[in-house]
Amino acid sequence: MSGDRRLAPLVAHLRAHVAELRRLEREGAAPAELDARRAVVARLQHHLAEAVRAAVATPDVDVVPLVLQEEVPRA
């Protein structure tokens, strides 16, 4: 299984939790609920970072970089 296929579900899971956090922020959820959601997002970010490190450290895995080559300036 390629690194991309292993990482994609983690990225999708993280994005779903971030979207839910943003929705709760817009709707004015209780601070304790927002803090709990932020903690979940932070744990998922850490888990994704560990998975990327493991994939990069594995010589037989192809990992597509998830970083832009150069940042586009905003007007």
PDB file of N, CA and C in Angstrom:
ATOM      1  N   MET A   1       0.844  -1.169   0.000  1.00  0.00           N
ATOM      2  CA  MET A   1       0.000   0.000   0.000  1.00  0.00           C
ATOM      3  C   MET A   1       0.892   1.236   0.000  1.00  0.00           C
ATOM      4  N   SER A   2       0.553   2.198  -0.834  1.00  0.00           N
ATOM      5  CA  SER A   2       1.409   3.380  -0.929  1.00  0.00           C
ATOM      6  C   SER A   2       1.164   4.324   0.238  1.00  0.00           C
ATOM      7  N   GLY A   3       2.118   5.200   0.481  1.00  0.00           N
ATOM      8  CA  GLY A   3       2.004   6.165   1.561  1.00  0.00           C
ATOM      9  C   GLY A   3       0.805   7.069   1.390  1.00  0.00           C
ATOM     10  N   ASP A   4       0.523   7.447   0.139  1.00  0.00           N
ATOM     11  CA  ASP A   4      -0.610   8.332  -0.123  1.00  0.00           C
ATOM     12  C   ASP A   4      -1.914   7.675   0.329  1.00  0.00           C
ATOM     13  N   ARG A   5      -2.072   6.394   0.062  1.00  0.00           N
ATOM     14  CA  ARG A   5      -3.307   5.703   0.459  1.00  0.00           C
ATOM     15  C   ARG A   5      -3.395   5.526   1.968  1.00  0.00           C
ATOM     16  N   ARG A   6      -2.265   5.488   2.627  1.00  0.00           N
ATOM     17  CA  ARG A   6      -2.286   5.387   4.086  1.00  0.00           C
ATOM     18  C   ARG A   6      -2.553   6.737   4.734  1.00  0.00           C
ATOM     19  N   LEU A   7      -2.062   7.801   4.118  1.00  0.00           N
ATOM     20  CA  LEU A   7      -2.195   9.133   4.705  1.00  0.00           C
ATOM     21  C   LEU A   7      -3.523   9.804   4.364  1.00  0.00           C
ATOM     22  N   ALA A   8      -4.074   9.514   3.208  1.00  0.00           N
ATOM     23  CA  ALA A   8      -5.296  10.182   2.761  1.00  0.00           C
ATOM     24  C   ALA A   8      -6.449  10.054   3.757  1.00  0.00           C
ATOM     25  N   PRO A   9      -6.708   8.866   4.316  1.00  0.00           N
ATOM     26  CA  PRO A   9      -7.798   8.788   5.291  1.00  0.00           C
ATOM     27  C   PRO A   9      -7.539   9.624   6.549  1.00  0.00           C
ATOM     28  N   LEU A  10      -6.290   9.719   6.955  1.00  0.00           N
ATOM     29  CA  LEU A  10      -5.953  10.548   8.119  1.00  0.00           C
ATOM     30  C   LEU A  10      -6.199  12.025   7.830  1.00  0.00           C
ATOM     31  N   VAL A  11      -5.811  12.454   6.627  1.00  0.00           N
ATOM     32  CA  VAL A  11      -6.033  13.847   6.232  1.00  0.00           C
ATOM     33  C   VAL A  11      -7.532  14.134   6.161  1.00  0.00           C
ATOM     34  N   ALA A  12      -8.291  13.224   5.560  1.00  0.00           N
ATOM     35  CA  ALA A  12      -9.742  13.410   5.448  1.00  0.00           C
ATOM     36  C   ALA A  12     -10.393  13.485   6.836  1.00  0.00           C
ATOM     37  N   HIS A  13      -9.957  12.633   7.742  1.00  0.00           N
ATOM     38  CA  HIS A  13     -10.494  12.621   9.103  1.00  0.00           C
ATOM     39  C   HIS A  13     -10.194  13.939   9.812  1.00  0.00           C
ATOM     40  N   LEU A  14      -8.966  14.414   9.665  1.00  0.00           N
ATOM     41  CA  LEU A  14      -8.568  15.685  10.276  1.00  0.00           C
ATOM     42  C   LEU A  14      -9.391  16.829   9.689  1.00  0.00           C
ATOM     43  N   ARG A  15      -9.548  16.852   8.363  1.00  0.00           N
ATOM     44  CA  ARG A  15     -10.329  17.922   7.724  1.00  0.00           C
ATOM     45  C   ARG A  15     -11.774  17.932   8.221  1.00  0.00           C
ATOM     46  N   ALA A  16     -12.360  16.767   8.408  1.00  0.00           N
ATOM     47  CA  ALA A  16     -13.739  16.684   8.897  1.00  0.00           C
ATOM     48  C   ALA A  16     -13.847  17.285  10.301  1.00  0.00           C
ATOM     49  N   HIS A  17     -12.866  16.994  11.157  1.00  0.00           N
ATOM     50  CA  HIS A  17     -12.900  17.538  12.511  1.00  0.00           C
ATOM     51  C   HIS A  17     -12.652  19.044  12.516  1.00  0.00           C
ATOM     52  N   VAL A  18     -11.790  19.520  11.639  1.00  0.00           N
ATOM     53  CA  VAL A  18     -11.546  20.965  11.545  1.00  0.00           C
ATOM     54  C   VAL A  18     -12.808  21.663  11.043  1.00  0.00           C
ATOM     55  N   ALA A  19     -13.480  21.082  10.059  1.00  0.00           N
ATOM     56  CA  ALA A  19     -14.720  21.669   9.549  1.00  0.00           C
ATOM     57  C   ALA A  19     -15.775  21.734  10.655  1.00  0.00           C
ATOM     58  N   GLU A  20     -15.879  20.685  11.442  1.00  0.00           N
ATOM     59  CA  GLU A  20     -16.824  20.668  12.553  1.00  0.00           C
ATOM     60  C   GLU A  20     -16.462  21.732  13.591  1.00  0.00           C
ATOM     61  N   LEU A  21     -15.188  21.883  13.885  1.00  0.00           N
ATOM     62  CA  LEU A  21     -14.741  22.916  14.818  1.00  0.00           C
ATOM     63  C   LEU A  21     -15.114  24.298  14.293  1.00  0.00           C
ATOM     64  N   ARG A  22     -14.856  24.557  13.023  1.00  0.00           N
ATOM     65  CA  ARG A  22     -15.188  25.865  12.433  1.00  0.00           C
ATOM     66  C   ARG A  22     -16.687  26.129  12.511  1.00  0.00           C
ATOM     67  N   ARG A  23     -17.497  25.091  12.251  1.00  0.00           N
ATOM     68  CA  ARG A  23     -18.950  25.235  12.321  1.00  0.00           C
ATOM     69  C   ARG A  23     -19.371  25.607  13.744  1.00  0.00           C
ATOM     70  N   LEU A  24     -18.810  24.904  14.722  1.00  0.00           N
ATOM     71  CA  LEU A  24     -19.133  25.202  16.116  1.00  0.00           C
ATOM     72  C   LEU A  24     -18.717  26.623  16.499  1.00  0.00           C
ATOM     73  N   GLU A  25     -17.563  27.064  15.999  1.00  0.00           N
ATOM     74  CA  GLU A  25     -17.110  28.434  16.271  1.00  0.00           C
ATOM     75  C   GLU A  25     -18.088  29.452  15.693  1.00  0.00           C
ATOM     76  N   ARG A  26     -18.526  29.215  14.451  1.00  0.00           N
ATOM     77  CA  ARG A  26     -19.477  30.135  13.809  1.00  0.00           C
ATOM     78  C   ARG A  26     -20.807  30.188  14.571  1.00  0.00           C
ATOM     79  N   GLU A  27     -21.234  29.043  15.094  1.00  0.00           N
ATOM     80  CA  GLU A  27     -22.521  28.959  15.776  1.00  0.00           C
ATOM     81  C   GLU A  27     -22.456  29.391  17.234  1.00  0.00           C
ATOM     82  N   GLY A  28     -21.256  29.720  17.712  1.00  0.00           N
ATOM     83  CA  GLY A  28     -21.112  30.212  19.082  1.00  0.00           C
ATOM     84  C   GLY A  28     -21.239  29.139  20.149  1.00  0.00           C
ATOM     85  N   ALA A  29     -20.634  28.005  19.913  1.00  0.00           N
ATOM     86  CA  ALA A  29     -20.669  26.905  20.887  1.00  0.00           C
ATOM     87  C   ALA A  29     -19.976  27.316  22.185  1.00  0.00           C
ATOM     88  N   ALA A  30     -20.243  26.557  23.214  1.00  0.00           N
ATOM     89  CA  ALA A  30     -19.653  26.828  24.532  1.00  0.00           C
ATOM     90  C   ALA A  30     -18.130  26.704  24.468  1.00  0.00           C
ATOM     91  N   PRO A  31     -17.428  27.552  25.203  1.00  0.00           N
ATOM     92  CA  PRO A  31     -15.965  27.504  25.196  1.00  0.00           C
ATOM     93  C   PRO A  31     -15.397  26.131  25.552  1.00  0.00           C
ATOM     94  N   ALA A  32     -16.012  25.437  26.477  1.00  0.00           N
ATOM     95  CA  ALA A  32     -15.511  24.106  26.861  1.00  0.00           C
ATOM     96  C   ALA A  32     -15.615  23.125  25.699  1.00  0.00           C
ATOM     97  N   GLU A  33     -16.700  23.216  24.939  1.00  0.00           N
ATOM     98  CA  GLU A  33     -16.854  22.333  23.775  1.00  0.00           C
ATOM     99  C   GLU A  33     -15.818  22.662  22.707  1.00  0.00           C
ATOM    100  N   LEU A  34     -15.580  23.948  22.500  1.00  0.00           N
ATOM    101  CA  LEU A  34     -14.568  24.356  21.521  1.00  0.00           C
ATOM    102  C   LEU A  34     -13.176  23.880  21.948  1.00  0.00           C
ATOM    103  N   ASP A  35     -12.872  24.023  23.220  1.00  0.00           N
ATOM    104  CA  ASP A  35     -11.572  23.559  23.728  1.00  0.00           C
ATOM    105  C   ASP A  35     -11.407  22.051  23.526  1.00  0.00           C
ATOM    106  N   ALA A  36     -12.469  21.305  23.781  1.00  0.00           N
ATOM    107  CA  ALA A  36     -12.408  19.854  23.585  1.00  0.00           C
ATOM    108  C   ALA A  36     -12.181  19.512  22.115  1.00  0.00           C
ATOM    109  N   ARG A  37     -12.869  20.218  21.231  1.00  0.00           N
ATOM    110  CA  ARG A  37     -12.694  19.967  19.791  1.00  0.00           C
ATOM    111  C   ARG A  37     -11.290  20.344  19.341  1.00  0.00           C
ATOM    112  N   ARG A  38     -10.773  21.435  19.864  1.00  0.00           N
ATOM    113  CA  ARG A  38      -9.405  21.846  19.505  1.00  0.00           C
ATOM    114  C   ARG A  38      -8.394  20.803  19.966  1.00  0.00           C
ATOM    115  N   ALA A  39      -8.642  20.206  21.113  1.00  0.00           N
ATOM    116  CA  ALA A  39      -7.746  19.154  21.607  1.00  0.00           C
ATOM    117  C   ALA A  39      -7.790  17.936  20.681  1.00  0.00           C
ATOM    118  N   VAL A  40      -8.962  17.587  20.197  1.00  0.00           N
ATOM    119  CA  VAL A  40      -9.083  16.465  19.248  1.00  0.00           C
ATOM    120  C   VAL A  40      -8.306  16.785  17.978  1.00  0.00           C
ATOM    121  N   VAL A  41      -8.469  18.000  17.450  1.00  0.00           N
ATOM    122  CA  VAL A  41      -7.752  18.399  16.233  1.00  0.00           C
ATOM    123  C   VAL A  41      -6.249  18.341  16.468  1.00  0.00           C
ATOM    124  N   ALA A  42      -5.788  18.812  17.606  1.00  0.00           N
ATOM    125  CA  ALA A  42      -4.348  18.779  17.908  1.00  0.00           C
ATOM    126  C   ALA A  42      -3.833  17.346  17.963  1.00  0.00           C
ATOM    127  N   ARG A  43      -4.604  16.436  18.576  1.00  0.00           N
ATOM    128  CA  ARG A  43      -4.186  15.021  18.619  1.00  0.00           C
ATOM    129  C   ARG A  43      -4.133  14.418  17.224  1.00  0.00           C
ATOM    130  N   LEU A  44      -5.124  14.752  16.391  1.00  0.00           N
ATOM    131  CA  LEU A  44      -5.129  14.228  15.020  1.00  0.00           C
ATOM    132  C   LEU A  44      -3.963  14.787  14.209  1.00  0.00           C
ATOM    133  N   GLN A  45      -3.633  16.057  14.416  1.00  0.00           N
ATOM    134  CA  GLN A  45      -2.474  16.645  13.727  1.00  0.00           C
ATOM    135  C   GLN A  45      -1.199  15.914  14.128  1.00  0.00           C
ATOM    136  N   HIS A  46      -1.070  15.637  15.406  1.00  0.00           N
ATOM    137  CA  HIS A  46       0.112  14.906  15.892  1.00  0.00           C
ATOM    138  C   HIS A  46       0.157  13.496  15.288  1.00  0.00           C
ATOM    139  N   HIS A  47      -0.982  12.837  15.272  1.00  0.00           N
ATOM    140  CA  HIS A  47      -1.056  11.488  14.703  1.00  0.00           C
ATOM    141  C   HIS A  47      -0.686  11.500  13.213  1.00  0.00           C
ATOM    142  N   LEU A  48      -1.185  12.487  12.483  1.00  0.00           N
ATOM    143  CA  LEU A  48      -0.848  12.604  11.063  1.00  0.00           C
ATOM    144  C   LEU A  48       0.647  12.861  10.883  1.00  0.00           C
ATOM    145  N   ALA A  49       1.214  13.725  11.707  1.00  0.00           N
ATOM    146  CA  ALA A  49       2.654  14.010  11.612  1.00  0.00           C
ATOM    147  C   ALA A  49       3.474  12.749  11.852  1.00  0.00           C
ATOM    148  N   GLU A  50       3.074  11.956  12.833  1.00  0.00           N
ATOM    149  CA  GLU A  50       3.777  10.697  13.091  1.00  0.00           C
ATOM    150  C   GLU A  50       3.641   9.737  11.917  1.00  0.00           C
ATOM    151  N   ALA A  51       2.474   9.689  11.305  1.00  0.00           N
ATOM    152  CA  ALA A  51       2.262   8.810  10.154  1.00  0.00           C
ATOM    153  C   ALA A  51       3.108   9.250   8.958  1.00  0.00           C
ATOM    154  N   VAL A  52       3.232  10.558   8.772  1.00  0.00           N
ATOM    155  CA  VAL A  52       4.073  11.073   7.680  1.00  0.00           C
ATOM    156  C   VAL A  52       5.529  10.720   7.944  1.00  0.00           C
ATOM    157  N   ARG A  53       5.989  10.910   9.184  1.00  0.00           N
ATOM    158  CA  ARG A  53       7.373  10.548   9.519  1.00  0.00           C
ATOM    159  C   ARG A  53       7.621   9.063   9.274  1.00  0.00           C
ATOM    160  N   ALA A  54       6.687   8.238   9.665  1.00  0.00           N
ATOM    161  CA  ALA A  54       6.842   6.792   9.464  1.00  0.00           C
ATOM    162  C   ALA A  54       6.863   6.446   7.984  1.00  0.00           C
ATOM    163  N   ALA A  55       6.009   7.097   7.205  1.00  0.00           N
ATOM    164  CA  ALA A  55       5.958   6.817   5.766  1.00  0.00           C
ATOM    165  C   ALA A  55       7.243   7.254   5.072  1.00  0.00           C
ATOM    166  N   VAL A  56       7.765   8.399   5.479  1.00  0.00           N
ATOM    167  CA  VAL A  56       8.992   8.912   4.868  1.00  0.00           C
ATOM    168  C   VAL A  56      10.183   8.045   5.269  1.00  0.00           C
ATOM    169  N   ALA A  57      10.162   7.523   6.474  1.00  0.00           N
ATOM    170  CA  ALA A  57      11.262   6.697   6.958  1.00  0.00           C
ATOM    171  C   ALA A  57      11.263   5.303   6.343  1.00  0.00           C
ATOM    172  N   THR A  58      10.139   4.904   5.737  1.00  0.00           N
ATOM    173  CA  THR A  58      10.031   3.589   5.116  1.00  0.00           C
ATOM    174  C   THR A  58      10.511   3.699   3.672  1.00  0.00           C
ATOM    175  N   PRO A  59      11.624   3.040   3.311  1.00  0.00           N
ATOM    176  CA  PRO A  59      12.213   3.231   1.987  1.00  0.00           C
ATOM    177  C   PRO A  59      11.355   2.732   0.828  1.00  0.00           C
ATOM    178  N   ASP A  60      10.436   1.816   1.034  1.00  0.00           N
ATOM    179  CA  ASP A  60       9.667   1.274  -0.077  1.00  0.00           C
ATOM    180  C   ASP A  60       8.309   1.948  -0.249  1.00  0.00           C
ATOM    181  N   VAL A  61       8.101   3.096   0.371  1.00  0.00           N
ATOM    182  CA  VAL A  61       6.814   3.777   0.291  1.00  0.00           C
ATOM    183  C   VAL A  61       6.973   5.064  -0.503  1.00  0.00           C
ATOM    184  N   ASP A  62       6.066   5.279  -1.450  1.00  0.00           N
ATOM    185  CA  ASP A  62       6.040   6.526  -2.204  1.00  0.00           C
ATOM    186  C   ASP A  62       5.122   7.500  -1.482  1.00  0.00           C
ATOM    187  N   VAL A  63       5.651   8.657  -1.122  1.00  0.00           N
ATOM    188  CA  VAL A  63       4.861   9.673  -0.445  1.00  0.00           C
ATOM    189  C   VAL A  63       4.903  10.930  -1.287  1.00  0.00           C
ATOM    190  N   VAL A  64       3.729  11.428  -1.630  1.00  0.00           N
ATOM    191  CA  VAL A  64       3.621  12.658  -2.387  1.00  0.00           C
ATOM    192  C   VAL A  64       3.681  13.812  -1.394  1.00  0.00           C
ATOM    193  N   PRO A  65       4.566  14.786  -1.627  1.00  0.00           N
ATOM    194  CA  PRO A  65       4.653  15.910  -0.691  1.00  0.00           C
ATOM    195  C   PRO A  65       3.327  16.663  -0.619  1.00  0.00           C
ATOM    196  N   LEU A  66       2.920  17.037   0.588  1.00  0.00           N
ATOM    197  CA  LEU A  66       1.684  17.772   0.794  1.00  0.00           C
ATOM    198  C   LEU A  66       1.953  19.261   0.974  1.00  0.00           C
ATOM    199  N   VAL A  67       3.150  19.713   0.602  1.00  0.00           N
ATOM    200  CA  VAL A  67       3.555  21.096   0.793  1.00  0.00           C
ATOM    201  C   VAL A  67       3.633  21.778  -0.564  1.00  0.00           C
ATOM    202  N   LEU A  68       3.127  23.009  -0.642  1.00  0.00           N
ATOM    203  CA  LEU A  68       3.223  23.776  -1.881  1.00  0.00           C
ATOM    204  C   LEU A  68       4.679  24.115  -2.158  1.00  0.00           C
ATOM    205  N   GLN A  69       5.038  24.160  -3.428  1.00  0.00           N
ATOM    206  CA  GLN A  69       6.412  24.469  -3.799  1.00  0.00           C
ATOM    207  C   GLN A  69       6.769  25.919  -3.432  1.00  0.00           C
ATOM    208  N   GLU A  70       5.845  26.827  -3.661  1.00  0.00           N
ATOM    209  CA  GLU A  70       6.074  28.204  -3.250  1.00  0.00           C
ATOM    210  C   GLU A  70       4.740  28.820  -2.882  1.00  0.00           C
ATOM    211  N   GLU A  71       4.766  29.711  -1.946  1.00  0.00           N
ATOM    212  CA  GLU A  71       3.531  30.339  -1.492  1.00  0.00           C
ATOM    213  C   GLU A  71       3.129  31.421  -2.472  1.00  0.00           C
ATOM    214  N   VAL A  72       1.844  31.481  -2.774  1.00  0.00           N
ATOM    215  CA  VAL A  72       1.318  32.485  -3.680  1.00  0.00           C
ATOM    216  C   VAL A  72       0.981  33.721  -2.864  1.00  0.00           C
ATOM    217  N   PRO A  73       1.552  34.893  -3.246  1.00  0.00           N
ATOM    218  CA  PRO A  73       1.254  36.102  -2.484  1.00  0.00           C
ATOM    219  C   PRO A  73      -0.210  36.506  -2.649  1.00  0.00           C
ATOM    220  N   ARG A  74      -0.812  36.995  -1.558  1.00  0.00           N
ATOM    221  CA  ARG A  74      -2.206  37.432  -1.597  1.00  0.00           C
ATOM    222  C   ARG A  74      -2.261  38.943  -1.715  1.00  0.00           C
ATOM    223  N   ALA A  75      -3.211  39.404  -2.492  1.00  0.00           N
ATOM    224  CA  ALA A  75      -3.361  40.857  -2.698  1.00  0.00           C
ATOM    225  C   ALA A  75      -4.131  41.499  -1.587  1.00  0.00           C
TER     226      ALA A  75
END
